[in-house]
Amino acid sequence: MTESLIEALQARISALEAQNAVRKTIARYMALCDVPAGALEGESFTALFTHDAVWEGIGPLYSSKFGYLQGHDSIIPMLQRYLPPKPHFASNVHFLSTEHIEVDGDTAKGRWIMLQASRYADAKTELIAARLEVDFVPSPHGHRTWLIRHFRTERLFAAPWPVSPAQGAA
């Protein structure tokens, strides 16, 4: 094997490891957003974002609802106000599809379509589809963990989600 071939293979392995780390970060984020919580003990939103991260609602349906938030002191309280013990969701689950992750050295960009199935505390239900575009960087504590630098969400549509009383009680 030539040295250039070894370097090319190392670069490909690094990119694959980065993609996997990005997937783990976005999956941890979604698990923390689910109600009842799907997070593992000790996980927190704070551990997923850079200290100067941006969380942004874009497009006509989310720019005014969420706006532009920067830093842990703005982002974390906004996310927490939708989660227990606050009475917002009775249940909430997120599904990601159409994944596309590009890695370029020490940056990565992920794009997904998210489906969110929600039952609110007032018993109303809703299906929401949103486009997510998320920029990531390696954690300063090692390249095996990547952090969210800029999270953008754009609501595509929402629709009522009829749930029978028997299904809703679970």
Protein backbone atom coordinates (compact mmCIF):
# COMPACT_ATOMS: atom_id res chain seq x y z
CA MET A 1 0.00 0.00 0.00
CA THR A 2 1.25 3.42 -0.87
CA GLU A 3 1.30 6.26 1.61
CA SER A 4 -1.20 8.25 -0.47
CA LEU A 5 -3.63 5.31 -0.47
CA ILE A 6 -3.27 4.96 3.30
CA GLU A 7 -3.94 8.69 3.75
CA ALA A 8 -7.01 8.49 1.49
CA LEU A 9 -8.36 5.53 3.46
CA GLN A 10 -7.71 7.33 6.76
CA ALA A 11 -9.61 10.38 5.45
CA ARG A 12 -12.55 8.19 4.41
CA ILE A 13 -12.62 6.47 7.80
CA SER A 14 -12.50 9.85 9.58
CA ALA A 15 -15.43 11.10 7.49
CA LEU A 16 -17.45 7.96 8.25
CA GLU A 17 -16.70 8.27 11.96
CA ALA A 18 -17.75 11.94 11.86
CA GLN A 19 -21.03 11.06 10.12
CA ASN A 20 -21.73 8.45 12.79
CA ALA A 21 -20.97 10.95 15.57
CA VAL A 22 -23.34 13.49 13.95
CA ARG A 23 -26.08 10.83 13.83
CA LYS A 24 -25.55 10.08 17.52
CA THR A 25 -25.78 13.77 18.45
CA ILE A 26 -29.01 14.39 16.53
CA ALA A 27 -30.50 11.15 17.89
CA ARG A 28 -29.64 12.23 21.45
CA TYR A 29 -31.24 15.62 20.76
CA MET A 30 -34.47 14.00 19.49
CA ALA A 31 -34.57 11.58 22.44
CA LEU A 32 -34.34 14.53 24.84
CA CYS A 33 -37.26 16.21 23.01
CA ASP A 34 -39.49 13.13 23.24
CA VAL A 35 -42.15 12.85 25.95
CA PRO A 36 -42.03 10.72 27.95
CA ALA A 37 -38.29 11.31 27.84
CA GLY A 38 -36.29 8.87 25.79
CA ALA A 39 -33.00 10.19 27.13
CA LEU A 40 -30.42 8.25 29.01
CA GLU A 41 -29.57 9.17 32.58
CA GLY A 42 -27.21 12.12 32.75
CA GLU A 43 -27.87 13.41 29.22
CA SER A 44 -28.67 17.06 28.73
CA PHE A 45 -29.27 19.52 25.93
CA THR A 46 -26.31 21.56 27.17
CA ALA A 47 -23.91 18.74 26.30
CA LEU A 48 -25.11 18.74 22.67
CA PHE A 49 -24.43 22.38 21.75
CA THR A 50 -21.34 24.55 21.43
CA HIS A 51 -21.34 27.35 24.03
CA ASP A 52 -22.09 29.93 21.29
CA ALA A 53 -24.53 27.75 19.30
CA VAL A 54 -27.49 29.18 17.39
CA TRP A 55 -30.98 27.64 17.39
CA GLU A 56 -33.21 29.22 14.77
CA GLY A 57 -36.74 28.91 13.50
CA ILE A 58 -36.82 29.81 9.81
CA GLY A 59 -39.56 30.29 7.23
CA PRO A 60 -42.94 31.94 7.66
CA LEU A 61 -44.26 29.48 10.27
CA TYR A 62 -41.25 29.24 12.60
CA SER A 63 -39.26 32.46 12.30
CA SER A 64 -41.77 34.42 14.41
CA LYS A 65 -42.59 31.50 16.75
CA PHE A 66 -38.99 30.61 17.65
CA GLY A 67 -36.83 33.37 16.23
CA TYR A 68 -33.06 33.40 16.60
CA LEU A 69 -31.51 32.18 19.84
CA GLN A 70 -27.80 32.14 20.62
CA GLY A 71 -25.91 30.47 23.44
CA HIS A 72 -26.87 28.00 26.15
CA ASP A 73 -28.58 30.70 28.25
CA SER A 74 -31.14 31.27 25.47
CA ILE A 75 -31.45 27.87 23.82
CA ILE A 76 -31.75 25.53 26.82
CA PRO A 77 -34.61 27.39 28.62
CA MET A 78 -36.57 27.58 25.33
CA LEU A 79 -36.30 23.82 24.82
CA GLN A 80 -37.10 23.07 28.47
CA ARG A 81 -40.34 25.03 28.42
CA TYR A 82 -41.87 22.33 26.20
CA LEU A 83 -40.81 19.42 28.41
CA PRO A 84 -41.94 17.95 31.74
CA PRO A 85 -42.61 19.06 34.34
CA LYS A 86 -44.19 21.78 32.16
CA PRO A 87 -47.69 20.71 31.03
CA HIS A 88 -47.18 21.09 27.27
CA PHE A 89 -46.98 17.58 25.77
CA ALA A 90 -48.73 14.46 27.05
CA SER A 91 -46.68 12.52 24.51
CA ASN A 92 -44.34 13.55 21.75
CA VAL A 93 -42.13 11.50 19.45
CA HIS A 94 -39.78 12.51 16.63
CA PHE A 95 -38.86 10.59 13.47
CA LEU A 96 -36.06 11.60 11.11
CA SER A 97 -35.85 10.69 7.43
CA THR A 98 -34.13 11.65 4.17
CA GLU A 99 -30.81 12.04 5.94
CA HIS A 100 -27.95 13.76 4.20
CA ILE A 101 -24.69 14.41 6.06
CA GLU A 102 -21.68 16.12 4.49
CA VAL A 103 -18.37 16.24 6.34
CA ASP A 104 -15.69 18.73 5.37
CA GLY A 105 -12.72 18.45 7.72
CA ASP A 106 -13.77 19.91 11.07
CA THR A 107 -17.30 20.83 10.02
CA ALA A 108 -20.36 18.81 9.08
CA LYS A 109 -23.81 19.71 7.84
CA GLY A 110 -26.80 17.45 8.28
CA ARG A 111 -30.20 17.73 6.64
CA TRP A 112 -33.29 15.77 7.60
CA ILE A 113 -37.04 15.83 7.28
CA MET A 114 -38.53 15.46 10.76
CA LEU A 115 -41.98 14.12 11.52
CA GLN A 116 -43.24 14.96 15.00
CA ALA A 117 -46.31 13.18 16.38
CA SER A 118 -47.67 15.09 19.36
CA ARG A 119 -50.47 14.74 21.87
CA TYR A 120 -50.74 17.91 23.93
CA ALA A 121 -51.69 18.22 27.57
CA ASP A 122 -55.12 19.52 26.46
CA ALA A 123 -55.66 16.20 24.51
CA LYS A 124 -55.33 17.83 21.05
CA THR A 125 -53.11 15.96 18.60
CA GLU A 126 -50.97 17.05 15.68
CA LEU A 127 -48.51 15.74 13.10
CA ILE A 128 -45.82 18.23 12.14
CA ALA A 129 -43.29 17.95 9.33
CA ALA A 130 -40.21 20.17 9.43
CA ARG A 131 -36.99 20.51 7.50
CA LEU A 132 -33.89 20.50 9.70
CA GLU A 133 -30.51 21.87 8.67
CA VAL A 134 -27.88 21.48 11.36
CA ASP A 135 -24.20 22.47 11.39
CA PHE A 136 -21.85 20.47 13.62
CA VAL A 137 -18.27 20.75 14.84
CA PRO A 138 -16.12 18.28 16.78
CA SER A 139 -16.27 18.57 20.53
CA PRO A 140 -13.13 20.11 22.01
CA HIS A 141 -13.06 16.98 24.19
CA GLY A 142 -12.40 14.69 21.24
CA HIS A 143 -13.50 13.95 17.67
CA ARG A 144 -15.75 11.04 18.63
CA THR A 145 -18.41 13.53 19.77
CA TRP A 146 -19.71 16.30 17.54
CA LEU A 147 -21.68 19.30 18.80
CA ILE A 148 -24.46 21.37 17.27
CA ARG A 149 -23.21 24.78 16.17
CA HIS A 150 -26.28 25.99 14.26
CA PHE A 151 -29.71 24.31 14.35
CA ARG A 152 -32.31 25.51 11.82
CA THR A 153 -35.87 24.22 11.69
CA GLU A 154 -38.50 25.13 9.11
CA ARG A 155 -42.06 23.93 9.50
CA LEU A 156 -43.38 22.44 6.28
CA PHE A 157 -46.89 21.49 7.37
CA ALA A 158 -49.05 20.39 10.27
CA ALA A 159 -52.19 18.30 10.34
CA PRO A 160 -54.55 16.98 13.00
CA TRP A 161 -53.80 13.44 14.02
CA PRO A 162 -56.92 11.59 15.04
CA VAL A 163 -56.25 9.30 17.99
CA SER A 164 -58.93 7.14 19.53
CA PRO A 165 -59.33 7.42 23.32
CA ALA A 166 -57.91 3.91 23.76
CA GLN A 167 -54.77 4.80 21.76
CA GLY A 168 -54.32 8.15 23.46
CA ALA A 169 -54.40 6.65 26.94
CA ALA A 170 -51.21 4.61 26.45
